[in-house]
N, C-alpha and C. Protein backbone atom coordinates (compact mmCIF):
# COMPACT_ATOMS: atom_id res chain seq x y z
N MET A 1 121.05 -4.79 10.27
CA MET A 1 121.91 -5.57 9.37
C MET A 1 123.04 -4.51 8.75
N ALA A 2 124.02 -4.90 8.52
CA ALA A 2 125.19 -4.13 7.96
C ALA A 2 125.05 -4.49 6.37
N LYS A 3 125.15 -3.49 5.60
CA LYS A 3 125.51 -3.60 4.22
C LYS A 3 126.51 -3.09 3.54
N VAL A 4 127.45 -3.82 2.88
CA VAL A 4 128.65 -3.55 2.39
C VAL A 4 128.67 -3.40 0.83
N VAL A 5 128.95 -2.33 0.13
CA VAL A 5 129.09 -2.23 -1.41
C VAL A 5 130.53 -2.16 -1.64
N SER A 6 130.91 -2.93 -2.94
CA SER A 6 132.12 -2.48 -3.24
C SER A 6 131.83 -2.18 -4.78
N TRP A 7 132.58 -1.04 -5.22
CA TRP A 7 132.41 -0.68 -6.58
C TRP A 7 133.58 -0.17 -7.23
N ASN A 8 133.75 -0.55 -8.48
CA ASN A 8 135.06 0.11 -9.21
C ASN A 8 134.59 1.11 -10.15
N ALA A 9 134.89 2.54 -9.66
CA ALA A 9 134.41 3.62 -10.17
C ALA A 9 134.98 4.09 -11.50
N ARG A 10 135.96 3.49 -11.77
CA ARG A 10 136.86 4.06 -12.92
C ARG A 10 137.21 5.55 -13.14
N GLY A 11 137.12 6.09 -11.84
CA GLY A 11 137.51 7.48 -11.83
C GLY A 11 136.43 8.39 -11.10
N LEU A 12 136.57 9.24 -10.00
CA LEU A 12 135.71 10.14 -9.33
C LEU A 12 136.13 11.29 -9.87
N CYS A 13 136.62 11.81 -10.67
CA CYS A 13 137.06 13.17 -10.91
C CYS A 13 136.13 13.90 -11.63
N ASN A 14 134.94 13.40 -12.08
CA ASN A 14 133.92 14.27 -12.63
C ASN A 14 132.69 14.32 -11.88
N LEU A 15 131.91 15.15 -12.07
CA LEU A 15 130.56 15.31 -11.41
C LEU A 15 129.68 14.17 -11.68
N ASP A 16 129.61 13.81 -12.78
CA ASP A 16 128.65 12.58 -12.94
C ASP A 16 128.93 11.31 -12.01
N SER A 17 130.22 10.97 -11.93
CA SER A 17 130.74 10.10 -11.33
C SER A 17 130.46 10.20 -9.88
N GLN A 18 130.73 11.30 -9.22
CA GLN A 18 130.50 11.69 -7.83
C GLN A 18 129.20 11.42 -7.44
N GLY A 19 128.33 12.02 -8.42
CA GLY A 19 126.79 11.83 -8.23
C GLY A 19 126.33 10.53 -8.02
N SER A 20 126.99 9.31 -8.91
CA SER A 20 126.83 8.27 -8.84
C SER A 20 126.93 7.52 -7.43
N VAL A 21 128.14 7.99 -6.54
CA VAL A 21 128.25 7.50 -5.34
C VAL A 21 127.16 7.84 -4.29
N SER A 22 126.56 8.96 -4.29
CA SER A 22 125.16 9.43 -3.70
C SER A 22 124.30 8.35 -4.17
N MET A 23 124.09 8.23 -5.31
CA MET A 23 122.81 7.48 -5.66
C MET A 23 123.12 5.99 -5.25
N LEU A 24 124.10 5.56 -5.47
CA LEU A 24 124.40 4.17 -5.11
C LEU A 24 124.11 4.06 -3.43
N LEU A 25 124.67 4.75 -2.74
CA LEU A 25 124.31 4.91 -1.14
C LEU A 25 122.73 4.94 -1.05
N LYS A 26 122.03 5.70 -1.59
CA LYS A 26 120.76 5.81 -1.45
C LYS A 26 119.82 4.60 -1.97
N LYS A 27 120.38 4.17 -3.06
CA LYS A 27 119.70 2.80 -3.63
C LYS A 27 119.95 1.47 -2.67
N THR A 28 121.03 1.52 -2.42
CA THR A 28 121.51 0.15 -1.35
C THR A 28 121.27 0.45 0.04
N LYS A 29 121.25 1.54 0.22
CA LYS A 29 121.15 1.82 1.96
C LYS A 29 122.34 1.10 2.48
N ALA A 30 123.44 1.25 1.83
CA ALA A 30 124.76 0.64 2.38
C ALA A 30 125.35 1.45 3.87
N ASN A 31 125.75 0.67 4.70
CA ASN A 31 126.38 1.30 5.92
C ASN A 31 127.98 1.57 5.51
N VAL A 32 128.49 0.75 4.73
CA VAL A 32 129.93 0.70 4.21
C VAL A 32 130.04 0.63 2.66
N ILE A 33 131.07 1.42 2.12
CA ILE A 33 131.25 1.19 0.65
C ILE A 33 132.85 1.31 0.47
N LEU A 34 133.27 0.39 -0.15
CA LEU A 34 134.54 0.48 -0.92
C LEU A 34 134.53 0.73 -2.27
N ILE A 35 135.11 1.70 -2.70
CA ILE A 35 135.18 2.23 -4.01
C ILE A 35 136.75 2.24 -4.60
N GLN A 36 136.85 1.46 -5.53
CA GLN A 36 138.27 0.99 -6.15
C GLN A 36 138.47 2.03 -7.46
N GLU A 37 139.54 2.19 -7.90
CA GLU A 37 140.01 2.82 -9.09
C GLU A 37 139.26 4.43 -8.86
N THR A 38 139.39 4.93 -7.76
CA THR A 38 138.93 6.36 -7.71
C THR A 38 139.83 7.46 -8.53
N LYS A 39 141.29 7.08 -8.78
CA LYS A 39 141.94 8.10 -9.58
C LYS A 39 142.10 9.41 -8.97
N ILE A 40 141.90 9.37 -7.40
CA ILE A 40 142.22 10.47 -6.74
C ILE A 40 143.60 10.65 -6.05
N LYS A 41 144.09 11.52 -6.28
CA LYS A 41 145.67 11.67 -6.00
C LYS A 41 145.83 11.88 -4.38
N GLU A 42 144.99 12.91 -3.83
CA GLU A 42 145.22 13.25 -2.60
C GLU A 42 143.79 13.24 -2.01
N SER A 43 143.86 12.98 -0.58
CA SER A 43 142.86 12.82 0.03
C SER A 43 142.03 13.97 0.14
N GLY A 44 142.60 15.25 -0.05
CA GLY A 44 141.58 16.30 0.14
C GLY A 44 140.47 16.35 -1.33
N GLY A 45 140.86 15.66 -2.19
CA GLY A 45 140.04 15.51 -3.41
C GLY A 45 138.60 14.96 -2.98
N ILE A 46 138.77 13.94 -1.94
CA ILE A 46 137.56 13.14 -1.62
C ILE A 46 136.62 14.21 -0.52
N ASP A 47 137.42 15.07 0.17
CA ASP A 47 136.52 15.97 0.73
C ASP A 47 135.89 16.99 -0.14
N ASP A 48 136.76 17.55 -1.17
CA ASP A 48 136.37 18.58 -2.29
C ASP A 48 135.01 18.12 -2.91
N ALA A 49 135.08 16.78 -3.20
CA ALA A 49 133.97 15.93 -4.06
C ALA A 49 132.75 15.85 -3.11
N LYS A 50 132.99 15.83 -1.90
CA LYS A 50 131.59 15.82 -1.13
C LYS A 50 130.85 14.30 -1.44
N LEU A 51 131.69 13.20 -1.64
CA LEU A 51 131.11 11.94 -1.82
C LEU A 51 130.14 11.32 -0.88
N PHE A 52 130.51 11.63 0.34
CA PHE A 52 129.78 10.80 1.33
C PHE A 52 128.95 11.89 2.15
N PRO A 53 127.81 11.43 2.79
CA PRO A 53 126.84 12.20 3.64
C PRO A 53 127.95 12.71 4.87
N LYS A 54 127.64 13.82 5.27
CA LYS A 54 128.52 14.64 6.04
C LYS A 54 128.94 13.93 7.37
N GLU A 55 128.09 13.16 8.14
CA GLU A 55 128.55 12.47 9.27
C GLU A 55 129.56 11.08 8.76
N TRP A 56 129.58 10.71 7.79
CA TRP A 56 130.30 9.63 7.41
C TRP A 56 131.80 9.73 7.67
N LYS A 57 132.70 8.63 7.91
CA LYS A 57 134.19 8.70 8.10
C LYS A 57 134.57 8.04 6.86
N TRP A 58 135.93 8.17 6.63
CA TRP A 58 136.54 7.40 5.47
C TRP A 58 137.89 7.33 5.68
N VAL A 59 138.63 6.39 4.97
CA VAL A 59 139.96 6.49 4.65
C VAL A 59 140.46 6.13 3.28
N CYS A 60 141.68 6.34 2.95
CA CYS A 60 141.82 6.21 1.39
C CYS A 60 143.11 6.02 1.13
N VAL A 61 143.38 5.37 0.06
CA VAL A 61 144.64 4.96 -0.59
C VAL A 61 144.83 5.89 -1.76
N PRO A 62 145.70 6.86 -1.97
CA PRO A 62 145.76 7.73 -3.17
C PRO A 62 146.02 6.95 -4.26
N SER A 63 145.66 7.52 -5.45
CA SER A 63 145.97 6.95 -6.70
C SER A 63 147.62 6.99 -7.04
N ILE A 64 148.05 6.20 -7.83
CA ILE A 64 149.41 6.46 -8.36
C ILE A 64 149.53 6.81 -9.71
N GLY A 65 149.77 8.07 -10.06
CA GLY A 65 149.49 8.64 -11.45
C GLY A 65 148.07 8.50 -11.80
N LEU A 66 147.70 8.00 -12.98
CA LEU A 66 146.15 7.96 -13.27
C LEU A 66 145.53 6.85 -13.03
N SER A 67 146.05 5.78 -12.24
CA SER A 67 145.44 4.63 -11.99
C SER A 67 145.23 4.41 -10.44
N GLY A 68 144.41 3.43 -10.17
CA GLY A 68 144.19 2.96 -8.70
C GLY A 68 143.62 4.04 -7.85
N GLY A 69 143.99 4.06 -6.55
CA GLY A 69 143.13 4.86 -5.61
C GLY A 69 142.16 4.00 -5.31
N MET A 70 141.85 4.11 -3.67
CA MET A 70 140.49 3.42 -3.01
C MET A 70 140.26 4.35 -2.10
N VAL A 71 138.84 4.17 -1.58
CA VAL A 71 138.42 4.76 -0.33
C VAL A 71 137.35 3.99 0.22
N LEU A 72 137.56 3.73 1.53
CA LEU A 72 136.56 2.91 2.45
C LEU A 72 135.72 3.74 3.16
N ALA A 73 134.53 3.89 3.17
CA ALA A 73 133.77 4.98 3.99
C ALA A 73 132.61 4.14 4.80
N TRP A 74 132.33 4.70 5.86
CA TRP A 74 131.20 3.98 6.72
C TRP A 74 130.50 4.95 7.49
N ASN A 75 129.35 4.59 7.71
CA ASN A 75 128.40 5.43 8.59
C ASN A 75 128.81 5.24 10.14
N PRO A 76 129.42 6.05 10.85
CA PRO A 76 129.59 5.72 12.18
C PRO A 76 128.58 5.77 12.89
N CYS A 77 127.38 5.76 12.81
CA CYS A 77 126.21 5.41 13.69
C CYS A 77 125.83 3.95 13.56
N ASP A 78 126.41 3.09 12.48
CA ASP A 78 126.30 1.85 12.34
C ASP A 78 127.72 1.07 12.53
N ILE A 79 128.59 1.72 12.18
CA ILE A 79 129.84 0.93 12.11
C ILE A 79 130.87 1.77 12.93
N ILE A 80 131.37 1.08 14.16
CA ILE A 80 132.43 1.75 14.92
C ILE A 80 133.72 1.29 14.52
N MET A 81 134.42 2.14 13.99
CA MET A 81 135.80 1.74 13.73
C MET A 81 136.67 1.84 14.84
N LYS A 82 137.50 0.73 14.92
CA LYS A 82 138.37 0.77 16.09
C LYS A 82 139.85 0.84 15.77
N ASP A 83 140.19 0.48 14.59
CA ASP A 83 141.58 0.70 14.20
C ASP A 83 141.46 0.47 12.48
N SER A 84 142.72 1.01 11.81
CA SER A 84 142.81 1.04 10.29
C SER A 84 143.96 0.92 10.15
N PHE A 85 144.19 0.23 8.65
CA PHE A 85 145.57 0.14 8.09
C PHE A 85 145.44 0.54 6.62
N VAL A 86 146.44 1.44 6.29
CA VAL A 86 146.52 1.97 4.81
C VAL A 86 147.61 1.44 4.32
N GLY A 87 147.50 0.57 3.24
CA GLY A 87 148.95 0.17 2.72
C GLY A 87 148.99 0.93 1.23
N THR A 88 149.85 0.45 0.63
CA THR A 88 150.28 1.00 -0.88
C THR A 88 148.95 0.73 -1.66
N PHE A 89 148.46 -0.69 -1.58
CA PHE A 89 147.29 -1.41 -2.25
C PHE A 89 146.18 -1.92 -1.62
N SER A 90 146.03 -1.43 -0.41
CA SER A 90 144.98 -2.09 0.40
C SER A 90 144.39 -1.06 1.57
N ILE A 91 143.27 -1.31 2.08
CA ILE A 91 142.72 -0.49 3.14
C ILE A 91 142.25 -1.59 4.06
N SER A 92 142.38 -1.56 5.31
CA SER A 92 141.90 -2.55 6.26
C SER A 92 141.19 -1.71 7.34
N ILE A 93 140.02 -1.97 7.74
CA ILE A 93 139.58 -1.48 9.17
C ILE A 93 139.16 -2.47 9.86
N VAL A 94 139.16 -2.61 11.40
CA VAL A 94 138.84 -3.26 12.35
C VAL A 94 137.64 -2.47 12.94
N CYS A 95 136.45 -3.28 13.07
CA CYS A 95 135.14 -2.46 13.45
C CYS A 95 134.26 -3.25 14.01
N THR A 96 133.19 -2.60 14.77
CA THR A 96 132.11 -3.22 15.33
C THR A 96 130.81 -3.00 14.63
N ILE A 97 130.12 -3.87 14.25
CA ILE A 97 128.46 -3.69 13.56
C ILE A 97 127.77 -3.36 14.86
N SER A 98 127.38 -1.99 15.02
CA SER A 98 126.46 -1.83 16.19
C SER A 98 125.31 -2.57 16.25
N CYS A 99 124.57 -2.78 15.37
CA CYS A 99 123.35 -3.58 15.32
C CYS A 99 123.46 -4.91 15.80
N LEU A 100 124.58 -5.57 15.66
CA LEU A 100 124.89 -6.92 15.87
C LEU A 100 125.74 -7.08 16.95
N ASN A 101 126.53 -6.04 17.32
CA ASN A 101 127.53 -6.11 18.46
C ASN A 101 128.45 -7.20 18.27
N VAL A 102 129.02 -7.08 16.77
CA VAL A 102 129.83 -8.19 16.19
C VAL A 102 131.22 -7.44 15.68
N ASP A 103 132.31 -7.82 16.13
CA ASP A 103 133.52 -7.24 15.49
C ASP A 103 133.91 -8.00 14.29
N CYS A 104 134.45 -7.15 13.14
CA CYS A 104 134.86 -7.66 12.10
C CYS A 104 135.77 -6.96 11.41
N PHE A 105 136.66 -7.46 10.31
CA PHE A 105 137.51 -6.90 9.45
C PHE A 105 136.80 -6.59 8.31
N ILE A 106 137.07 -5.40 7.71
CA ILE A 106 136.73 -5.06 6.27
C ILE A 106 138.00 -4.53 5.71
N ILE A 107 138.30 -5.44 4.31
CA ILE A 107 139.47 -5.32 3.78
C ILE A 107 139.25 -5.09 2.18
N GLY A 108 139.92 -4.20 1.85
CA GLY A 108 139.96 -3.89 0.19
C GLY A 108 141.17 -4.04 -0.38
N VAL A 109 141.31 -4.51 -1.22
CA VAL A 109 142.83 -4.70 -2.03
C VAL A 109 142.63 -4.35 -3.35
N TYR A 110 143.46 -3.62 -4.08
CA TYR A 110 143.41 -3.30 -5.38
C TYR A 110 144.87 -3.34 -6.06
N GLY A 111 145.27 -4.32 -6.75
CA GLY A 111 146.30 -4.52 -7.55
C GLY A 111 146.81 -3.51 -8.53
N PRO A 112 148.13 -3.26 -8.49
CA PRO A 112 148.54 -2.13 -9.57
C PRO A 112 148.56 -2.57 -11.00
N CYS A 113 148.44 -1.54 -11.75
CA CYS A 113 148.47 -1.76 -13.26
C CYS A 113 149.66 -1.83 -13.82
N ASP A 114 150.99 -1.17 -13.14
CA ASP A 114 152.32 -0.88 -13.30
C ASP A 114 152.82 -2.31 -12.96
N LYS A 115 153.64 -3.16 -13.88
CA LYS A 115 154.46 -4.24 -14.02
C LYS A 115 155.31 -4.00 -12.71
N ARG A 116 155.90 -3.09 -12.85
CA ARG A 116 157.22 -2.68 -11.92
C ARG A 116 156.67 -2.67 -10.43
N LEU A 117 155.53 -2.31 -10.25
CA LEU A 117 154.90 -2.31 -8.77
C LEU A 117 154.19 -3.72 -8.26
N SER A 118 154.24 -4.62 -9.12
CA SER A 118 153.55 -5.68 -8.64
C SER A 118 154.24 -6.67 -7.64
N MET A 119 155.73 -6.43 -7.50
CA MET A 119 156.46 -7.05 -6.59
C MET A 119 155.89 -6.62 -5.23
N GLU A 120 155.63 -5.28 -5.16
CA GLU A 120 155.27 -4.53 -3.83
C GLU A 120 153.74 -5.20 -3.31
N PHE A 121 153.00 -5.42 -4.43
CA PHE A 121 151.74 -6.02 -4.08
C PHE A 121 151.84 -7.15 -3.44
């Protein structure tokens, strides 16, 4: 069975928050995690933080200033990613859940805090 976790992290720029990701994955035994409000501006920040087990794959939307940012990560042993789309405020993957041999979409959306950007949303 596949388990998907969605979490509003309120920032992953400190060690306590980064450790919470590992703890959440261990506790839930999730195959997929969508984290909103990462507040990480560049994808290198996710690698630097070592948020996920080494073999996991991920795609991200960088934060805009001090708000937003998302990352969608999965265990490639359980989830076979076929395609992905990263928008300004969304992440989508098309994947196969290995144990069920079922294709599905996993989509994460996060609305902007800045009213001027809401039209783009």
